Amino acid sequence: MSEVFDGYERQYCEISASLSRKCTAASSLSGEKLKQKASEIKSGIDGAEALIRKMDLEARNLQPSVRAGLLAKLREYKSDLNNLKGTLKRITTGNAQQGAREELLESGMADTLVVSADQRSRLLRTTERQNKTTDRIKDSHRTMLETEELGVSIMHDLHQQRQSLLHANDTLHSVDDNIGKSRKIMGAMVRRMDRNKWIIGLIITLLVLAILVVLYFKFVH
């Protein structure tokens, strides 16, 4: 949740509680004292309205998942402020202390103040629950980011391992090619050695025959 919104919200709750107390005190006043108190309350209501407008602008700039809850709270704050306006109007319309008290009793002033207090209590509880929910969302988002980073790291490691395997495979193919070439060379050398053996054997045979022929003619003649 926005820290700016939280700051505005705390200010509003303090002003709203103060206005309720002032309305309660004003209900027993009359004359100039009532006018002065009513002026203070009117000024406080104007300040509360300004805070609500600021909260509304801040909420609309947040993410949709957070914005919806904040706008719902703002509707309750506006309702609470309207109740205070109605209370102030009922107080200032009376001309005398007794008339003001009767008008407040007839219009349910006491009930309105109790309702306002209950609303603020509910709003505070709702704010606390929403803060906890926001914290859980932040924790989930942080966990998701950590999981994503871990997944990227694993993918990077797998890519490096794949490159290593491909390089090893290329090396094996190169070794196989060299072994094939070596086999061909060895085969050619073996065939050449066999051919040389036959040639040497033929030469030896011819020499032996030549020696025998020479010996034959030597002993015959």
C-alpha atoms as a PDB file:
ATOM      1  CA  MET A   1       0.000   0.000   0.000  1.00  0.00           C
ATOM      2  CA  SER A   2       1.194   3.556  -0.675  1.00  0.00           C
ATOM      3  CA  GLU A   3       2.926   5.238   2.263  1.00  0.00           C
ATOM      4  CA  VAL A   4       1.531   8.560   1.044  1.00  0.00           C
ATOM      5  CA  PHE A   5      -2.015   7.181   1.226  1.00  0.00           C
ATOM      6  CA  ASP A   6      -1.351   5.799   4.715  1.00  0.00           C
ATOM      7  CA  GLY A   7      -0.180   9.229   5.865  1.00  0.00           C
ATOM      8  CA  TYR A   8      -3.302  10.932   4.491  1.00  0.00           C
ATOM      9  CA  GLU A   9      -5.469   8.226   6.061  1.00  0.00           C
ATOM     10  CA  ARG A  10      -3.976   8.708   9.532  1.00  0.00           C
ATOM     11  CA  GLN A  11      -4.467  12.457   9.276  1.00  0.00           C
ATOM     12  CA  TYR A  12      -8.089  11.967   8.205  1.00  0.00           C
ATOM     13  CA  CYS A  13      -8.877   9.583  11.067  1.00  0.00           C
ATOM     14  CA  GLU A  14      -7.400  12.029  13.580  1.00  0.00           C
ATOM     15  CA  ILE A  15      -9.369  14.939  12.090  1.00  0.00           C
ATOM     16  CA  SER A  16     -12.587  12.882  11.970  1.00  0.00           C
ATOM     17  CA  ALA A  17     -12.258  11.867  15.623  1.00  0.00           C
ATOM     18  CA  SER A  18     -11.555  15.489  16.587  1.00  0.00           C
ATOM     19  CA  LEU A  19     -14.587  16.719  14.611  1.00  0.00           C
ATOM     20  CA  SER A  20     -16.839  14.188  16.339  1.00  0.00           C
ATOM     21  CA  ARG A  21     -15.688  15.419  19.740  1.00  0.00           C
ATOM     22  CA  LYS A  22     -16.198  19.033  18.676  1.00  0.00           C
ATOM     23  CA  CYS A  23     -19.721  18.253  17.414  1.00  0.00           C
ATOM     24  CA  THR A  24     -20.542  16.645  20.743  1.00  0.00           C
ATOM     25  CA  ALA A  25     -19.242  19.693  22.579  1.00  0.00           C
ATOM     26  CA  ALA A  26     -21.017  22.120  20.219  1.00  0.00           C
ATOM     27  CA  SER A  27     -24.377  20.472  20.843  1.00  0.00           C
ATOM     28  CA  SER A  28     -24.398  22.026  24.338  1.00  0.00           C
ATOM     29  CA  LEU A  29     -23.374  25.528  23.208  1.00  0.00           C
ATOM     30  CA  SER A  30     -25.315  28.518  21.961  1.00  0.00           C
ATOM     31  CA  GLY A  31     -24.781  32.057  20.740  1.00  0.00           C
ATOM     32  CA  GLU A  32     -21.279  33.225  19.866  1.00  0.00           C
ATOM     33  CA  LYS A  33     -19.620  30.154  21.375  1.00  0.00           C
ATOM     34  CA  LEU A  34     -21.704  27.953  19.091  1.00  0.00           C
ATOM     35  CA  LYS A  35     -20.762  30.074  16.069  1.00  0.00           C
ATOM     36  CA  GLN A  36     -17.058  29.860  16.917  1.00  0.00           C
ATOM     37  CA  LYS A  37     -17.223  26.108  17.441  1.00  0.00           C
ATOM     38  CA  ALA A  38     -19.222  25.674  14.236  1.00  0.00           C
ATOM     39  CA  SER A  39     -16.585  27.697  12.363  1.00  0.00           C
ATOM     40  CA  GLU A  40     -13.858  25.417  13.740  1.00  0.00           C
ATOM     41  CA  ILE A  41     -15.842  22.342  12.723  1.00  0.00           C
ATOM     42  CA  LYS A  42     -16.454  23.768   9.222  1.00  0.00           C
ATOM     43  CA  SER A  43     -12.733  24.437   8.805  1.00  0.00           C
ATOM     44  CA  GLY A  44     -11.953  20.905   9.963  1.00  0.00           C
ATOM     45  CA  ILE A  45     -14.493  19.444   7.510  1.00  0.00           C
ATOM     46  CA  ASP A  46     -12.870  21.417   4.667  1.00  0.00           C
ATOM     47  CA  GLY A  47      -9.491  20.000   5.653  1.00  0.00           C
ATOM     48  CA  ALA A  48     -10.950  16.479   5.789  1.00  0.00           C
ATOM     49  CA  GLU A  49     -12.447  16.915   2.313  1.00  0.00           C
ATOM     50  CA  ALA A  50      -9.062  18.023   0.985  1.00  0.00           C
ATOM     51  CA  LEU A  51      -7.457  14.895   2.480  1.00  0.00           C
ATOM     52  CA  ILE A  52     -10.121  12.683   0.888  1.00  0.00           C
ATOM     53  CA  ARG A  53      -9.420  14.272  -2.502  1.00  0.00           C
ATOM     54  CA  LYS A  54      -5.692  13.642  -2.027  1.00  0.00           C
ATOM     55  CA  MET A  55      -6.343  10.029  -1.015  1.00  0.00           C
ATOM     56  CA  ASP A  56      -8.581   9.568  -4.053  1.00  0.00           C
ATOM     57  CA  LEU A  57      -5.875  10.855  -6.417  1.00  0.00           C
ATOM     58  CA  GLU A  58      -3.220   8.707  -4.736  1.00  0.00           C
ATOM     59  CA  ALA A  59      -5.421   5.563  -4.851  1.00  0.00           C
ATOM     60  CA  ARG A  60      -6.164   5.969  -8.556  1.00  0.00           C
ATOM     61  CA  ASN A  61      -2.433   5.969  -9.329  1.00  0.00           C
ATOM     62  CA  LEU A  62      -1.879   2.575  -7.655  1.00  0.00           C
ATOM     63  CA  GLN A  63      -2.164  -0.936  -9.060  1.00  0.00           C
ATOM     64  CA  PRO A  64      -5.712  -2.197  -9.734  1.00  0.00           C
ATOM     65  CA  SER A  65      -5.412  -4.963  -7.122  1.00  0.00           C
ATOM     66  CA  VAL A  66      -4.719  -2.357  -4.404  1.00  0.00           C
ATOM     67  CA  ARG A  67      -6.844   0.451  -5.844  1.00  0.00           C
ATOM     68  CA  ALA A  68     -10.191  -1.340  -5.452  1.00  0.00           C
ATOM     69  CA  GLY A  69      -9.807  -1.785  -1.683  1.00  0.00           C
ATOM     70  CA  LEU A  70      -8.676   1.788  -1.156  1.00  0.00           C
ATOM     71  CA  LEU A  71     -11.585   3.235  -3.147  1.00  0.00           C
ATOM     72  CA  ALA A  72     -13.993   1.180  -1.022  1.00  0.00           C
ATOM     73  CA  LYS A  73     -12.445   2.687   2.101  1.00  0.00           C
ATOM     74  CA  LEU A  74     -12.758   6.168   0.595  1.00  0.00           C
ATOM     75  CA  ARG A  75     -16.491   5.634   0.087  1.00  0.00           C
ATOM     76  CA  GLU A  76     -16.831   4.894   3.801  1.00  0.00           C
ATOM     77  CA  TYR A  77     -14.746   7.955   4.681  1.00  0.00           C
ATOM     78  CA  LYS A  78     -16.979  10.125   2.468  1.00  0.00           C
ATOM     79  CA  SER A  79     -20.061   8.691   4.165  1.00  0.00           C
ATOM     80  CA  ASP A  80     -18.526   9.433   7.566  1.00  0.00           C
ATOM     81  CA  LEU A  81     -17.747  13.008   6.473  1.00  0.00           C
ATOM     82  CA  ASN A  82     -21.305  13.484   5.176  1.00  0.00           C
ATOM     83  CA  ASN A  83     -22.584  12.413   8.585  1.00  0.00           C
ATOM     84  CA  LEU A  84     -20.397  15.052  10.207  1.00  0.00           C
ATOM     85  CA  LYS A  85     -21.699  17.676   7.771  1.00  0.00           C
ATOM     86  CA  GLY A  86     -25.262  16.709   8.623  1.00  0.00           C
ATOM     87  CA  THR A  87     -24.473  16.896  12.307  1.00  0.00           C
ATOM     88  CA  LEU A  88     -22.972  20.374  11.919  1.00  0.00           C
ATOM     89  CA  LYS A  89     -26.003  21.519   9.931  1.00  0.00           C
ATOM     90  CA  ARG A  90     -28.400  20.269  12.584  1.00  0.00           C
ATOM     91  CA  ILE A  91     -26.392  21.982  15.339  1.00  0.00           C
ATOM     92  CA  THR A  92     -26.238  25.362  13.586  1.00  0.00           C
ATOM     93  CA  THR A  93     -29.910  25.465  12.541  1.00  0.00           C
ATOM     94  CA  GLY A  94     -31.104  25.773  16.157  1.00  0.00           C
ATOM     95  CA  ASN A  95     -31.456  29.264  17.678  1.00  0.00           C
ATOM     96  CA  ALA A  96     -31.254  28.240  21.302  1.00  0.00           C
ATOM     97  CA  GLN A  97     -29.530  25.626  23.406  1.00  0.00           C
ATOM     98  CA  GLN A  98     -32.732  23.788  24.245  1.00  0.00           C
ATOM     99  CA  GLY A  99     -33.944  23.913  20.634  1.00  0.00           C
ATOM    100  CA  ALA A 100     -30.626  22.571  19.415  1.00  0.00           C
ATOM    101  CA  ARG A 101     -30.772  19.731  21.944  1.00  0.00           C
ATOM    102  CA  GLU A 102     -34.314  18.839  20.953  1.00  0.00           C
ATOM    103  CA  GLU A 103     -33.430  18.945  17.250  1.00  0.00           C
ATOM    104  CA  LEU A 104     -30.402  16.771  17.835  1.00  0.00           C
ATOM    105  CA  LEU A 105     -32.450  14.290  19.821  1.00  0.00           C
ATOM    106  CA  GLU A 106     -35.163  14.248  17.170  1.00  0.00           C
ATOM    107  CA  SER A 107     -32.695  13.745  14.328  1.00  0.00           C
ATOM    108  CA  GLY A 108     -30.798  11.033  16.170  1.00  0.00           C
ATOM    109  CA  MET A 109     -27.621  13.019  16.779  1.00  0.00           C
ATOM    110  CA  ALA A 110     -26.450  10.653  19.483  1.00  0.00           C
ATOM    111  CA  ASP A 111     -27.024   7.655  17.221  1.00  0.00           C
ATOM    112  CA  THR A 112     -25.137   9.394  14.416  1.00  0.00           C
ATOM    113  CA  LEU A 113     -22.109   9.966  16.621  1.00  0.00           C
ATOM    114  CA  VAL A 114     -22.184   6.344  17.769  1.00  0.00           C
ATOM    115  CA  VAL A 115     -22.460   5.190  14.162  1.00  0.00           C
ATOM    116  CA  SER A 116     -19.532   7.423  13.200  1.00  0.00           C
ATOM    117  CA  ALA A 117     -17.427   5.921  15.982  1.00  0.00           C
ATOM    118  CA  ASP A 118     -18.423   2.419  14.885  1.00  0.00           C
ATOM    119  CA  GLN A 119     -17.587   3.287  11.291  1.00  0.00           C
ATOM    120  CA  ARG A 120     -14.152   4.525  12.256  1.00  0.00           C
ATOM    121  CA  SER A 121     -13.575   1.369  14.293  1.00  0.00           C
ATOM    122  CA  ARG A 122     -14.615  -0.776  11.329  1.00  0.00           C
ATOM    123  CA  LEU A 123     -12.463   1.303   8.996  1.00  0.00           C
ATOM    124  CA  LEU A 124      -9.432   0.865  11.217  1.00  0.00           C
ATOM    125  CA  ARG A 125     -10.002  -2.893  11.385  1.00  0.00           C
ATOM    126  CA  THR A 126     -10.506  -3.010   7.617  1.00  0.00           C
ATOM    127  CA  THR A 127      -7.318  -0.995   7.123  1.00  0.00           C
ATOM    128  CA  GLU A 128      -5.395  -3.406   9.326  1.00  0.00           C
ATOM    129  CA  ARG A 129      -6.730  -6.421   7.411  1.00  0.00           C
ATOM    130  CA  GLN A 130      -5.910  -4.816   4.079  1.00  0.00           C
ATOM    131  CA  ASN A 131      -2.406  -3.975   5.290  1.00  0.00           C
ATOM    132  CA  LYS A 132      -1.889  -7.618   6.254  1.00  0.00           C
ATOM    133  CA  THR A 133      -3.251  -8.727   2.879  1.00  0.00           C
ATOM    134  CA  THR A 134      -0.929  -6.287   1.111  1.00  0.00           C
ATOM    135  CA  ASP A 135       2.025  -7.638   3.090  1.00  0.00           C
ATOM    136  CA  ARG A 136       1.103 -11.180   2.072  1.00  0.00           C
ATOM    137  CA  ILE A 137       0.833 -10.074  -1.566  1.00  0.00           C
ATOM    138  CA  LYS A 138       4.263  -8.440  -1.322  1.00  0.00           C
ATOM    139  CA  ASP A 139       5.713 -11.625   0.212  1.00  0.00           C
ATOM    140  CA  SER A 140       4.164 -13.718  -2.562  1.00  0.00           C
ATOM    141  CA  HIS A 141       5.501 -11.310  -5.192  1.00  0.00           C
ATOM    142  CA  ARG A 142       8.972 -11.447  -3.643  1.00  0.00           C
ATOM    143  CA  THR A 143       8.851 -15.261  -3.558  1.00  0.00           C
ATOM    144  CA  MET A 144       7.737 -15.296  -7.202  1.00  0.00           C
ATOM    145  CA  LEU A 145      10.665 -13.044  -8.178  1.00  0.00           C
ATOM    146  CA  GLU A 146      13.115 -15.255  -6.267  1.00  0.00           C
ATOM    147  CA  THR A 147      11.671 -18.345  -7.977  1.00  0.00           C
ATOM    148  CA  GLU A 148      11.939 -16.642 -11.350  1.00  0.00           C
ATOM    149  CA  GLU A 149      15.584 -15.734 -10.693  1.00  0.00           C
ATOM    150  CA  LEU A 150      16.298 -19.329  -9.634  1.00  0.00           C
ATOM    151  CA  GLY A 151      14.627 -20.604 -12.825  1.00  0.00           C
ATOM    152  CA  VAL A 152      16.721 -18.247 -14.961  1.00  0.00           C
ATOM    153  CA  SER A 153      19.883 -19.410 -13.187  1.00  0.00           C
ATOM    154  CA  ILE A 154      18.974 -23.079 -13.759  1.00  0.00           C
ATOM    155  CA  MET A 155      18.227 -22.402 -17.428  1.00  0.00           C
ATOM    156  CA  HIS A 156      21.603 -20.690 -17.766  1.00  0.00           C
ATOM    157  CA  ASP A 157      23.375 -23.665 -16.160  1.00  0.00           C
ATOM    158  CA  LEU A 158      21.505 -26.100 -18.422  1.00  0.00           C
ATOM    159  CA  HIS A 159      22.488 -24.044 -21.462  1.00  0.00           C
ATOM    160  CA  GLN A 160      26.139 -24.155 -20.444  1.00  0.00           C
ATOM    161  CA  GLN A 161      25.926 -27.917 -19.876  1.00  0.00           C
ATOM    162  CA  ARG A 162      24.323 -28.357 -23.301  1.00  0.00           C
ATOM    163  CA  GLN A 163      27.132 -26.354 -24.898  1.00  0.00           C
ATOM    164  CA  SER A 164      29.674 -28.524 -23.077  1.00  0.00           C
ATOM    165  CA  LEU A 165      27.977 -31.708 -24.307  1.00  0.00           C
ATOM    166  CA  LEU A 166      27.871 -30.403 -27.873  1.00  0.00           C
ATOM    167  CA  HIS A 167      31.559 -29.532 -27.677  1.00  0.00           C
ATOM    168  CA  ALA A 168      32.361 -33.015 -26.311  1.00  0.00           C
ATOM    169  CA  ASN A 169      30.286 -34.572 -29.090  1.00  0.00           C
ATOM    170  CA  ASP A 170      32.204 -32.574 -31.699  1.00  0.00           C
ATOM    171  CA  THR A 171      35.472 -33.700 -30.109  1.00  0.00           C
ATOM    172  CA  LEU A 172      34.348 -37.349 -30.244  1.00  0.00           C
ATOM    173  CA  HIS A 173      33.437 -36.975 -33.922  1.00  0.00           C
ATOM    174  CA  SER A 174      36.883 -35.483 -34.574  1.00  0.00           C
ATOM    175  CA  VAL A 175      38.552 -38.374 -32.722  1.00  0.00           C
ATOM    176  CA  ASP A 176      36.471 -40.902 -34.699  1.00  0.00           C
ATOM    177  CA  ASP A 177      37.531 -39.231 -37.944  1.00  0.00           C
ATOM    178  CA  ASN A 178      41.197 -39.368 -36.916  1.00  0.00           C
ATOM    179  CA  ILE A 179      40.879 -43.027 -35.904  1.00  0.00           C
ATOM    180  CA  GLY A 180      39.292 -43.803 -39.292  1.00  0.00           C
ATOM    181  CA  LYS A 181      42.094 -42.056 -41.092  1.00  0.00           C
ATOM    182  CA  SER A 182      44.677 -43.916 -38.975  1.00  0.00           C
ATOM    183  CA  ARG A 183      43.030 -47.232 -39.800  1.00  0.00           C
ATOM    184  CA  LYS A 184      43.168 -46.442 -43.484  1.00  0.00           C
ATOM    185  CA  ILE A 185      46.857 -45.531 -43.237  1.00  0.00           C
ATOM    186  CA  MET A 186      47.636 -48.687 -41.260  1.00  0.00           C
ATOM    187  CA  GLY A 187      45.737 -50.808 -43.772  1.00  0.00           C
ATOM    188  CA  ALA A 188      47.669 -49.249 -46.641  1.00  0.00           C
ATOM    189  CA  MET A 189      50.972 -49.883 -44.809  1.00  0.00           C
ATOM    190  CA  VAL A 190      50.053 -53.522 -44.133  1.00  0.00           C
ATOM    191  CA  ARG A 191      49.134 -54.067 -47.790  1.00  0.00           C
ATOM    192  CA  ARG A 192      52.365 -52.398 -48.862  1.00  0.00           C
ATOM    193  CA  MET A 193      54.369 -54.608 -46.480  1.00  0.00           C
ATOM    194  CA  ASP A 194      52.635 -57.714 -47.828  1.00  0.00           C
ATOM    195  CA  ARG A 195      53.395 -56.646 -51.380  1.00  0.00           C
ATOM    196  CA  ASN A 196      57.011 -56.003 -50.471  1.00  0.00           C
ATOM    197  CA  LYS A 197      57.220 -59.454 -48.875  1.00  0.00           C
ATOM    198  CA  TRP A 198      56.004 -61.048 -52.121  1.00  0.00           C
ATOM    199  CA  ILE A 199      58.457 -59.029 -54.149  1.00  0.00           C
ATOM    200  CA  ILE A 200      61.366 -59.935 -51.854  1.00  0.00           C
ATOM    201  CA  GLY A 201      60.335 -63.592 -51.918  1.00  0.00           C
ATOM    202  CA  LEU A 202      60.160 -63.526 -55.708  1.00  0.00           C
ATOM    203  CA  ILE A 203      63.583 -61.906 -55.922  1.00  0.00           C
ATOM    204  CA  ILE A 204      65.050 -64.500 -53.531  1.00  0.00           C
ATOM    205  CA  THR A 205      63.462 -67.285 -55.576  1.00  0.00           C
ATOM    206  CA  LEU A 206      64.912 -65.885 -58.813  1.00  0.00           C
ATOM    207  CA  LEU A 207      68.338 -65.559 -57.187  1.00  0.00           C
ATOM    208  CA  VAL A 208      68.210 -69.142 -55.979  1.00  0.00           C
ATOM    209  CA  LEU A 209      67.219 -70.337 -59.455  1.00  0.00           C
ATOM    210  CA  ALA A 210      69.995 -68.283 -61.003  1.00  0.00           C
ATOM    211  CA  ILE A 211      72.540 -69.760 -58.578  1.00  0.00           C
ATOM    212  CA  LEU A 212      71.306 -73.248 -59.332  1.00  0.00           C
ATOM    213  CA  VAL A 213      71.540 -72.647 -63.068  1.00  0.00           C
ATOM    214  CA  VAL A 214      75.108 -71.314 -62.703  1.00  0.00           C
ATOM    215  CA  LEU A 215      76.115 -74.271 -60.567  1.00  0.00           C
ATOM    216  CA  TYR A 216      74.527 -76.663 -62.980  1.00  0.00           C
ATOM    217  CA  PHE A 217      76.392 -75.317 -65.978  1.00  0.00           C
ATOM    218  CA  LYS A 218      79.593 -75.111 -63.954  1.00  0.00           C
ATOM    219  CA  PHE A 219      79.578 -78.741 -62.888  1.00  0.00           C
ATOM    220  CA  VAL A 220      78.258 -80.085 -66.197  1.00  0.00           C
ATOM    221  CA  HIS A 221      80.951 -78.458 -68.257  1.00  0.00           C
END
